[in-house]
Amino acid sequence: MAIALDRIIVPTYLRGLSVLARYIDKAAAHVAASGLADDAIVQARLAPDMLTFAGQIQRASDTAKGGIARLLGIDAPRFEDNETTLVELKARIDRTLVFVASADRAGIAAAEGREIMLKAGALERRFDGVGYVIDFAVPNFDFHVAVAHAILRHAGIAVGKLDYLGATT
């Protein structure tokens, strides 16, 4: 039995984006309780050559918007990547959730054979819809959610595996 692409990508993105929204809420509570500035979390990173927390949120958002748009053959909404506060990052996640939740599920399900060309710097790959979802879109999205999780853990914020899986509030 085949599983339609919309049953893979939409719930994965909605869960992950909701997890990120809760992470931002936990980060904001930590900042308020500790007296830290937002910037201490927003600009935190695991290693000098990795994106900041803000960058991870932005890339997860872009991956979700882009993944849905590529499967539908439409343009993704453009966000400026200029968020500097937790409130702004949360608003970005909220806008991304609205886009993903309102996506044409039948159109996504019908995109199995759609050719998707991905170009990003030196990366250039061609996929069909199934390969794109399984081999790139979902793993790339999950990577950014996982790194955002790790950044918060590294900053001393209490997030755990159940938070990542979306099982807690």
N, C-alpha and C. Protein backbone atom coordinates (compact mmCIF):
# COMPACT_ATOMS: atom_id res chain seq x y z
N MET A 1 0.84 -1.17 0.00
CA MET A 1 0.00 0.00 0.00
C MET A 1 0.88 1.24 0.00
N ALA A 2 0.66 2.10 -0.94
CA ALA A 2 1.42 3.35 -1.04
C ALA A 2 0.85 4.37 -0.06
N ILE A 3 1.73 5.21 0.44
CA ILE A 3 1.31 6.31 1.30
C ILE A 3 1.46 7.59 0.50
N ALA A 4 0.40 8.37 0.44
CA ALA A 4 0.43 9.62 -0.32
C ALA A 4 1.43 10.59 0.30
N LEU A 5 2.11 11.34 -0.54
CA LEU A 5 3.14 12.28 -0.09
C LEU A 5 2.62 13.28 0.93
N ASP A 6 1.38 13.72 0.77
CA ASP A 6 0.84 14.69 1.72
C ASP A 6 0.74 14.10 3.12
N ARG A 7 0.58 12.79 3.23
CA ARG A 7 0.49 12.14 4.55
C ARG A 7 1.86 11.99 5.19
N ILE A 8 2.91 12.21 4.43
CA ILE A 8 4.27 12.18 4.98
C ILE A 8 4.71 13.59 5.34
N ILE A 9 4.66 14.47 4.36
CA ILE A 9 5.32 15.77 4.53
C ILE A 9 4.50 16.76 5.36
N VAL A 10 3.21 16.84 5.16
CA VAL A 10 2.42 17.85 5.90
C VAL A 10 2.43 17.57 7.40
N PRO A 11 2.11 16.36 7.86
CA PRO A 11 2.16 16.12 9.31
C PRO A 11 3.57 16.27 9.89
N THR A 12 4.59 15.89 9.14
CA THR A 12 5.96 16.05 9.62
C THR A 12 6.28 17.52 9.82
N TYR A 13 5.93 18.34 8.86
CA TYR A 13 6.18 19.78 8.98
C TYR A 13 5.34 20.42 10.08
N LEU A 14 4.08 20.05 10.17
CA LEU A 14 3.22 20.64 11.20
C LEU A 14 3.72 20.26 12.60
N ARG A 15 4.11 19.00 12.78
CA ARG A 15 4.65 18.58 14.07
C ARG A 15 5.92 19.32 14.39
N GLY A 16 6.86 19.35 13.45
CA GLY A 16 8.14 20.00 13.69
C GLY A 16 8.02 21.49 13.93
N LEU A 17 7.17 22.14 13.19
CA LEU A 17 6.96 23.58 13.39
C LEU A 17 6.31 23.86 14.74
N SER A 18 5.39 23.00 15.13
CA SER A 18 4.77 23.15 16.45
C SER A 18 5.79 22.92 17.55
N VAL A 19 6.68 21.97 17.36
CA VAL A 19 7.77 21.74 18.31
C VAL A 19 8.63 23.00 18.41
N LEU A 20 8.99 23.58 17.27
CA LEU A 20 9.81 24.79 17.29
C LEU A 20 9.09 25.93 18.00
N ALA A 21 7.78 26.06 17.80
CA ALA A 21 7.02 27.10 18.49
C ALA A 21 7.10 26.90 20.00
N ARG A 22 6.96 25.65 20.44
CA ARG A 22 7.06 25.38 21.88
C ARG A 22 8.49 25.62 22.38
N TYR A 23 9.48 25.29 21.57
CA TYR A 23 10.87 25.57 21.96
C TYR A 23 11.08 27.06 22.17
N ILE A 24 10.53 27.85 21.28
CA ILE A 24 10.67 29.31 21.42
C ILE A 24 9.98 29.78 22.70
N ASP A 25 8.82 29.22 23.01
CA ASP A 25 8.14 29.57 24.26
C ASP A 25 9.01 29.20 25.46
N LYS A 26 9.62 28.02 25.43
CA LYS A 26 10.48 27.60 26.53
C LYS A 26 11.71 28.49 26.63
N ALA A 27 12.26 28.87 25.50
CA ALA A 27 13.42 29.78 25.49
C ALA A 27 13.03 31.13 26.07
N ALA A 28 11.86 31.64 25.70
CA ALA A 28 11.40 32.93 26.23
C ALA A 28 11.20 32.86 27.74
N ALA A 29 10.65 31.75 28.24
CA ALA A 29 10.47 31.58 29.68
C ALA A 29 11.81 31.52 30.39
N HIS A 30 12.77 30.84 29.78
CA HIS A 30 14.13 30.75 30.35
C HIS A 30 14.78 32.12 30.40
N VAL A 31 14.65 32.87 29.33
CA VAL A 31 15.22 34.22 29.27
C VAL A 31 14.59 35.10 30.35
N ALA A 32 13.28 35.04 30.49
CA ALA A 32 12.59 35.86 31.49
C ALA A 32 13.02 35.47 32.91
N ALA A 33 13.15 34.17 33.16
CA ALA A 33 13.49 33.70 34.51
C ALA A 33 14.95 33.97 34.87
N SER A 34 15.82 33.96 33.87
CA SER A 34 17.25 34.08 34.14
C SER A 34 17.78 35.51 33.99
N GLY A 35 16.97 36.38 33.39
CA GLY A 35 17.42 37.75 33.16
C GLY A 35 18.34 37.90 31.96
N LEU A 36 18.50 36.85 31.18
CA LEU A 36 19.29 36.93 29.95
C LEU A 36 18.59 37.81 28.93
N ALA A 37 19.34 38.31 27.99
CA ALA A 37 18.75 39.00 26.84
C ALA A 37 18.35 37.95 25.80
N ASP A 38 17.30 38.24 25.04
CA ASP A 38 16.89 37.37 23.93
C ASP A 38 18.08 36.95 23.09
N ASP A 39 18.95 37.90 22.85
CA ASP A 39 20.08 37.68 21.96
C ASP A 39 20.95 36.50 22.39
N ALA A 40 21.00 36.23 23.68
CA ALA A 40 21.81 35.11 24.18
C ALA A 40 21.33 33.79 23.60
N ILE A 41 20.04 33.67 23.35
CA ILE A 41 19.49 32.46 22.75
C ILE A 41 19.41 32.60 21.23
N VAL A 42 18.91 33.71 20.76
CA VAL A 42 18.71 33.91 19.32
C VAL A 42 20.03 33.73 18.56
N GLN A 43 21.12 34.19 19.13
CA GLN A 43 22.43 34.11 18.45
C GLN A 43 23.27 32.92 18.89
N ALA A 44 22.73 32.06 19.76
CA ALA A 44 23.49 30.88 20.22
C ALA A 44 23.67 29.90 19.07
N ARG A 45 24.81 29.23 19.10
CA ARG A 45 25.10 28.21 18.09
C ARG A 45 25.94 27.11 18.73
N LEU A 46 25.98 25.97 18.09
CA LEU A 46 26.75 24.85 18.62
C LEU A 46 28.22 24.91 18.25
N ALA A 47 28.52 25.45 17.11
CA ALA A 47 29.90 25.53 16.64
C ALA A 47 30.03 26.76 15.76
N PRO A 48 31.23 27.31 15.66
CA PRO A 48 31.40 28.54 14.89
C PRO A 48 30.94 28.45 13.43
N ASP A 49 31.01 27.26 12.84
CA ASP A 49 30.63 27.13 11.43
C ASP A 49 29.18 26.68 11.24
N MET A 50 28.40 26.71 12.32
CA MET A 50 26.98 26.33 12.23
C MET A 50 26.11 27.57 12.37
N LEU A 51 24.88 27.46 11.89
CA LEU A 51 23.93 28.56 12.02
C LEU A 51 23.53 28.76 13.48
N THR A 52 23.11 29.96 13.76
CA THR A 52 22.60 30.31 15.08
C THR A 52 21.22 29.67 15.29
N PHE A 53 20.68 29.82 16.50
CA PHE A 53 19.31 29.37 16.76
C PHE A 53 18.36 30.03 15.77
N ALA A 54 18.50 31.33 15.58
CA ALA A 54 17.65 32.03 14.60
C ALA A 54 17.81 31.42 13.22
N GLY A 55 19.03 31.13 12.83
CA GLY A 55 19.29 30.52 11.52
C GLY A 55 18.64 29.16 11.38
N GLN A 56 18.65 28.37 12.45
CA GLN A 56 18.01 27.05 12.40
C GLN A 56 16.49 27.19 12.23
N ILE A 57 15.91 28.14 12.94
CA ILE A 57 14.46 28.39 12.81
C ILE A 57 14.15 28.86 11.38
N GLN A 58 14.96 29.78 10.87
CA GLN A 58 14.74 30.30 9.51
C GLN A 58 14.87 29.19 8.47
N ARG A 59 15.87 28.32 8.60
CA ARG A 59 16.05 27.25 7.62
C ARG A 59 14.95 26.22 7.73
N ALA A 60 14.50 25.90 8.94
CA ALA A 60 13.37 24.97 9.08
C ALA A 60 12.13 25.55 8.41
N SER A 61 11.89 26.83 8.62
CA SER A 61 10.76 27.52 8.00
C SER A 61 10.90 27.48 6.48
N ASP A 62 12.09 27.84 5.99
CA ASP A 62 12.31 27.85 4.53
C ASP A 62 12.15 26.45 3.94
N THR A 63 12.64 25.44 4.64
CA THR A 63 12.53 24.07 4.14
C THR A 63 11.07 23.65 4.05
N ALA A 64 10.29 24.00 5.07
CA ALA A 64 8.87 23.65 5.05
C ALA A 64 8.13 24.38 3.92
N LYS A 65 8.35 25.69 3.84
CA LYS A 65 7.68 26.47 2.78
C LYS A 65 8.12 25.98 1.41
N GLY A 66 9.42 25.81 1.25
CA GLY A 66 9.96 25.39 -0.04
C GLY A 66 9.54 23.99 -0.43
N GLY A 67 9.51 23.09 0.55
CA GLY A 67 9.12 21.71 0.25
C GLY A 67 7.70 21.63 -0.27
N ILE A 68 6.81 22.31 0.41
CA ILE A 68 5.40 22.32 -0.02
C ILE A 68 5.28 22.99 -1.39
N ALA A 69 5.93 24.12 -1.55
CA ALA A 69 5.83 24.87 -2.81
C ALA A 69 6.39 24.07 -3.98
N ARG A 70 7.53 23.42 -3.80
CA ARG A 70 8.11 22.64 -4.90
C ARG A 70 7.19 21.50 -5.32
N LEU A 71 6.59 20.84 -4.34
CA LEU A 71 5.68 19.75 -4.67
C LEU A 71 4.45 20.25 -5.40
N LEU A 72 4.00 21.44 -5.07
CA LEU A 72 2.81 22.01 -5.72
C LEU A 72 3.14 22.78 -7.00
N GLY A 73 4.43 23.04 -7.24
CA GLY A 73 4.80 23.81 -8.42
C GLY A 73 4.41 25.27 -8.31
N ILE A 74 4.48 25.81 -7.08
CA ILE A 74 4.14 27.22 -6.84
C ILE A 74 5.33 27.92 -6.17
N ASP A 75 5.24 29.22 -6.08
CA ASP A 75 6.26 29.98 -5.36
C ASP A 75 5.96 29.95 -3.87
N ALA A 76 7.00 29.77 -3.08
CA ALA A 76 6.86 29.80 -1.63
C ALA A 76 6.77 31.24 -1.15
N PRO A 77 6.07 31.46 -0.05
CA PRO A 77 6.09 32.82 0.52
C PRO A 77 7.53 33.20 0.89
N ARG A 78 7.86 34.46 0.71
CA ARG A 78 9.22 34.92 1.01
C ARG A 78 9.23 35.62 2.37
N PHE A 79 10.16 35.21 3.21
CA PHE A 79 10.40 35.87 4.48
C PHE A 79 11.82 36.41 4.43
N GLU A 80 12.06 37.51 5.08
CA GLU A 80 13.32 38.24 4.92
C GLU A 80 14.52 37.72 5.71
N ASP A 81 14.34 36.76 6.60
CA ASP A 81 15.45 36.28 7.46
C ASP A 81 16.05 37.40 8.29
N ASN A 82 15.19 38.25 8.82
CA ASN A 82 15.69 39.39 9.60
C ASN A 82 15.21 39.35 11.06
N GLU A 83 14.78 38.18 11.52
CA GLU A 83 14.30 38.06 12.89
C GLU A 83 15.47 38.18 13.87
N THR A 84 15.28 39.01 14.89
CA THR A 84 16.34 39.22 15.89
C THR A 84 15.86 38.96 17.32
N THR A 85 14.59 38.59 17.47
CA THR A 85 14.05 38.32 18.80
C THR A 85 13.27 36.99 18.77
N LEU A 86 13.05 36.46 19.95
CA LEU A 86 12.25 35.24 20.05
C LEU A 86 10.82 35.49 19.58
N VAL A 87 10.28 36.64 19.87
CA VAL A 87 8.92 36.99 19.42
C VAL A 87 8.85 36.98 17.89
N GLU A 88 9.85 37.55 17.24
CA GLU A 88 9.87 37.57 15.77
C GLU A 88 10.03 36.15 15.20
N LEU A 89 10.84 35.33 15.85
CA LEU A 89 11.00 33.94 15.39
C LEU A 89 9.70 33.17 15.54
N LYS A 90 9.00 33.40 16.63
CA LYS A 90 7.71 32.72 16.85
C LYS A 90 6.71 33.16 15.78
N ALA A 91 6.69 34.43 15.45
CA ALA A 91 5.78 34.92 14.40
C ALA A 91 6.10 34.26 13.06
N ARG A 92 7.36 34.06 12.78
CA ARG A 92 7.76 33.39 11.53
C ARG A 92 7.24 31.95 11.51
N ILE A 93 7.41 31.26 12.62
CA ILE A 93 6.91 29.89 12.70
C ILE A 93 5.39 29.88 12.52
N ASP A 94 4.70 30.81 13.15
CA ASP A 94 3.25 30.88 13.01
C ASP A 94 2.83 31.10 11.56
N ARG A 95 3.53 31.98 10.84
CA ARG A 95 3.22 32.21 9.42
C ARG A 95 3.49 30.96 8.59
N THR A 96 4.55 30.25 8.93
CA THR A 96 4.89 29.03 8.21
C THR A 96 3.85 27.95 8.48
N LEU A 97 3.41 27.83 9.73
CA LEU A 97 2.36 26.86 10.06
C LEU A 97 1.10 27.12 9.25
N VAL A 98 0.72 28.37 9.11
CA VAL A 98 -0.48 28.72 8.33
C VAL A 98 -0.31 28.27 6.88
N PHE A 99 0.86 28.53 6.29
CA PHE A 99 1.10 28.14 4.90
C PHE A 99 1.03 26.62 4.74
N VAL A 100 1.71 25.89 5.61
CA VAL A 100 1.73 24.43 5.50
C VAL A 100 0.34 23.86 5.72
N ALA A 101 -0.36 24.34 6.74
CA ALA A 101 -1.69 23.81 7.05
C ALA A 101 -2.70 24.07 5.94
N SER A 102 -2.49 25.14 5.19
CA SER A 102 -3.45 25.48 4.13
C SER A 102 -3.06 24.91 2.77
N ALA A 103 -1.99 24.13 2.72
CA ALA A 103 -1.52 23.59 1.44
C ALA A 103 -2.55 22.65 0.82
N ASP A 104 -2.56 22.62 -0.49
CA ASP A 104 -3.45 21.75 -1.26
C ASP A 104 -2.97 20.31 -1.11
N ARG A 105 -3.60 19.58 -0.21
CA ARG A 105 -3.17 18.21 0.09
C ARG A 105 -3.29 17.30 -1.14
N ALA A 106 -4.34 17.45 -1.92
CA ALA A 106 -4.51 16.62 -3.12
C ALA A 106 -3.40 16.93 -4.12
N GLY A 107 -3.04 18.19 -4.24
CA GLY A 107 -1.95 18.57 -5.14
C GLY A 107 -0.62 17.98 -4.71
N ILE A 108 -0.37 17.95 -3.42
CA ILE A 108 0.87 17.34 -2.91
C ILE A 108 0.84 15.84 -3.17
N ALA A 109 -0.27 15.20 -2.87
CA ALA A 109 -0.39 13.76 -3.09
C ALA A 109 -0.16 13.39 -4.55
N ALA A 110 -0.54 14.29 -5.45
CA ALA A 110 -0.40 14.02 -6.88
C ALA A 110 1.00 14.33 -7.42
N ALA A 111 1.90 14.76 -6.56
CA ALA A 111 3.22 15.20 -7.02
C ALA A 111 4.29 14.10 -7.03
N GLU A 112 3.88 12.85 -6.91
CA GLU A 112 4.86 11.76 -6.86
C GLU A 112 5.84 11.80 -8.02
N GLY A 113 5.35 12.04 -9.21
CA GLY A 113 6.20 12.02 -10.39
C GLY A 113 6.73 13.38 -10.80
N ARG A 114 6.35 14.43 -10.08
CA ARG A 114 6.82 15.78 -10.43
C ARG A 114 8.34 15.83 -10.37
N GLU A 115 8.97 16.37 -11.41
CA GLU A 115 10.42 16.53 -11.37
C GLU A 115 10.74 17.78 -10.55
N ILE A 116 11.64 17.59 -9.61
CA ILE A 116 12.06 18.69 -8.76
C ILE A 116 13.56 18.85 -8.90
N MET A 117 13.97 20.04 -9.32
CA MET A 117 15.38 20.37 -9.47
C MET A 117 15.76 21.26 -8.30
N LEU A 118 16.76 20.86 -7.58
CA LEU A 118 17.19 21.62 -6.41
C LEU A 118 18.59 22.14 -6.66
N LYS A 119 18.74 23.46 -6.55
CA LYS A 119 20.05 24.10 -6.69
C LYS A 119 20.28 24.97 -5.47
N ALA A 120 21.37 24.73 -4.77
CA ALA A 120 21.75 25.54 -3.62
C ALA A 120 23.27 25.52 -3.55
N GLY A 121 23.89 26.60 -3.96
CA GLY A 121 25.35 26.63 -3.99
C GLY A 121 25.88 25.55 -4.92
N ALA A 122 26.75 24.71 -4.41
CA ALA A 122 27.33 23.63 -5.20
C ALA A 122 26.38 22.44 -5.34
N LEU A 123 25.34 22.39 -4.53
CA LEU A 123 24.39 21.29 -4.58
C LEU A 123 23.46 21.46 -5.76
N GLU A 124 23.38 20.42 -6.57
CA GLU A 124 22.44 20.40 -7.69
C GLU A 124 21.95 18.97 -7.82
N ARG A 125 20.65 18.77 -7.55
CA ARG A 125 20.09 17.43 -7.61
C ARG A 125 18.72 17.46 -8.25
N ARG A 126 18.41 16.37 -8.94
CA ARG A 126 17.08 16.17 -9.52
C ARG A 126 16.41 15.03 -8.76
N PHE A 127 15.13 15.24 -8.49
CA PHE A 127 14.35 14.24 -7.78
C PHE A 127 13.00 14.09 -8.47
N ASP A 128 12.34 12.96 -8.23
CA ASP A 128 10.90 12.93 -8.44
C ASP A 128 10.30 13.31 -7.09
N GLY A 129 8.99 13.49 -7.03
CA GLY A 129 8.36 13.95 -5.80
C GLY A 129 8.63 13.05 -4.61
N VAL A 130 8.58 11.74 -4.82
CA VAL A 130 8.81 10.79 -3.72
C VAL A 130 10.25 10.91 -3.22
N GLY A 131 11.20 10.89 -4.13
CA GLY A 131 12.60 11.01 -3.73
C GLY A 131 12.89 12.32 -3.03
N TYR A 132 12.29 13.38 -3.51
CA TYR A 132 12.49 14.69 -2.88
C TYR A 132 12.03 14.68 -1.43
N VAL A 133 10.83 14.16 -1.19
CA VAL A 133 10.28 14.14 0.17
C VAL A 133 11.12 13.25 1.08
N ILE A 134 11.39 12.03 0.63
CA ILE A 134 12.06 11.04 1.49
C ILE A 134 13.56 11.29 1.63
N ASP A 135 14.21 11.69 0.56
CA ASP A 135 15.67 11.81 0.57
C ASP A 135 16.19 13.20 0.89
N PHE A 136 15.34 14.21 0.79
CA PHE A 136 15.84 15.57 1.05
C PHE A 136 14.94 16.40 1.95
N ALA A 137 13.71 16.62 1.57
CA ALA A 137 12.86 17.60 2.27
C ALA A 137 12.66 17.26 3.74
N VAL A 138 12.26 16.04 4.04
CA VAL A 138 12.03 15.67 5.44
C VAL A 138 13.35 15.59 6.22
N PRO A 139 14.39 14.92 5.71
CA PRO A 139 15.64 14.89 6.50
C PRO A 139 16.24 16.28 6.74
N ASN A 140 16.19 17.15 5.76
CA ASN A 140 16.73 18.50 5.92
C ASN A 140 15.94 19.27 6.98
N PHE A 141 14.63 19.18 6.93
CA PHE A 141 13.78 19.83 7.93
C PHE A 141 14.10 19.30 9.33
N ASP A 142 14.11 17.98 9.46
CA ASP A 142 14.37 17.37 10.76
C ASP A 142 15.75 17.75 11.30
N PHE A 143 16.72 17.89 10.43
CA PHE A 143 18.06 18.31 10.86
C PHE A 143 17.98 19.66 11.58
N HIS A 144 17.30 20.62 10.98
CA HIS A 144 17.23 21.97 11.57
C HIS A 144 16.43 21.98 12.87
N VAL A 145 15.39 21.17 12.96
CA VAL A 145 14.64 21.07 14.21
C VAL A 145 15.54 20.45 15.29
N ALA A 146 16.27 19.41 14.93
CA ALA A 146 17.15 18.74 15.90
C ALA A 146 18.28 19.66 16.37
N VAL A 147 18.85 20.43 15.47
CA VAL A 147 19.93 21.35 15.87
C VAL A 147 19.38 22.46 16.75
N ALA A 148 18.19 22.97 16.45
CA ALA A 148 17.57 23.97 17.33
C ALA A 148 17.40 23.37 18.72
N HIS A 149 16.97 22.13 18.80
CA HIS A 149 16.83 21.42 20.07
C HIS A 149 18.18 21.37 20.79
N ALA A 150 19.21 20.99 20.08
CA ALA A 150 20.54 20.86 20.69
C ALA A 150 21.06 22.21 21.18
N ILE A 151 20.80 23.27 20.44
CA ILE A 151 21.24 24.60 20.87
C ILE A 151 20.57 24.96 22.19
N LEU A 152 19.28 24.70 22.31
CA LEU A 152 18.59 25.02 23.55
C LEU A 152 19.11 24.17 24.71
N ARG A 153 19.34 22.89 24.47
CA ARG A 153 19.92 22.03 25.52
C ARG A 153 21.28 22.57 25.95
N HIS A 154 22.08 22.94 24.98
CA HIS A 154 23.42 23.47 25.26
C HIS A 154 23.35 24.77 26.06
N ALA A 155 22.27 25.53 25.86
CA ALA A 155 22.07 26.79 26.58
C ALA A 155 21.45 26.58 27.96
N GLY A 156 21.19 25.33 28.32
CA GLY A 156 20.65 25.03 29.63
C GLY A 156 19.13 25.06 29.72
N ILE A 157 18.47 25.03 28.59
CA ILE A 157 17.01 25.05 28.57
C ILE A 157 16.50 23.61 28.59
N ALA A 158 15.54 23.35 29.45
CA ALA A 158 15.04 22.00 29.67
C ALA A 158 14.13 21.55 28.52
N VAL A 159 14.73 20.98 27.50
CA VAL A 159 13.99 20.32 26.43
C VAL A 159 14.54 18.90 26.33
N GLY A 160 13.67 17.96 26.09
CA GLY A 160 14.08 16.57 26.02
C GLY A 160 13.50 15.88 24.81
N LYS A 161 13.69 14.58 24.76
CA LYS A 161 13.26 13.78 23.63
C LYS A 161 11.75 13.89 23.39
N LEU A 162 10.97 13.86 24.47
CA LEU A 162 9.51 13.97 24.28
C LEU A 162 9.11 15.33 23.73
N ASP A 163 9.86 16.39 24.07
CA ASP A 163 9.61 17.70 23.46
C ASP A 163 9.86 17.62 21.96
N TYR A 164 10.97 16.99 21.59
CA TYR A 164 11.33 16.86 20.17
C TYR A 164 10.28 16.06 19.40
N LEU A 165 9.77 15.02 20.01
CA LEU A 165 8.79 14.19 19.35
C LEU A 165 7.41 14.84 19.30
N GLY A 166 7.26 15.96 20.03
CA GLY A 166 5.99 16.67 20.02
C GLY A 166 4.98 16.08 20.99
N ALA A 167 5.47 15.28 21.95
CA ALA A 167 4.57 14.59 22.87
C ALA A 167 4.25 15.38 24.12
N THR A 168 4.91 16.52 24.32
CA THR A 168 4.65 17.31 25.53
C THR A 168 4.19 18.70 25.12
N THR A 169 3.68 19.43 26.07
CA THR A 169 3.26 20.81 25.80
C THR A 169 4.12 21.78 26.53
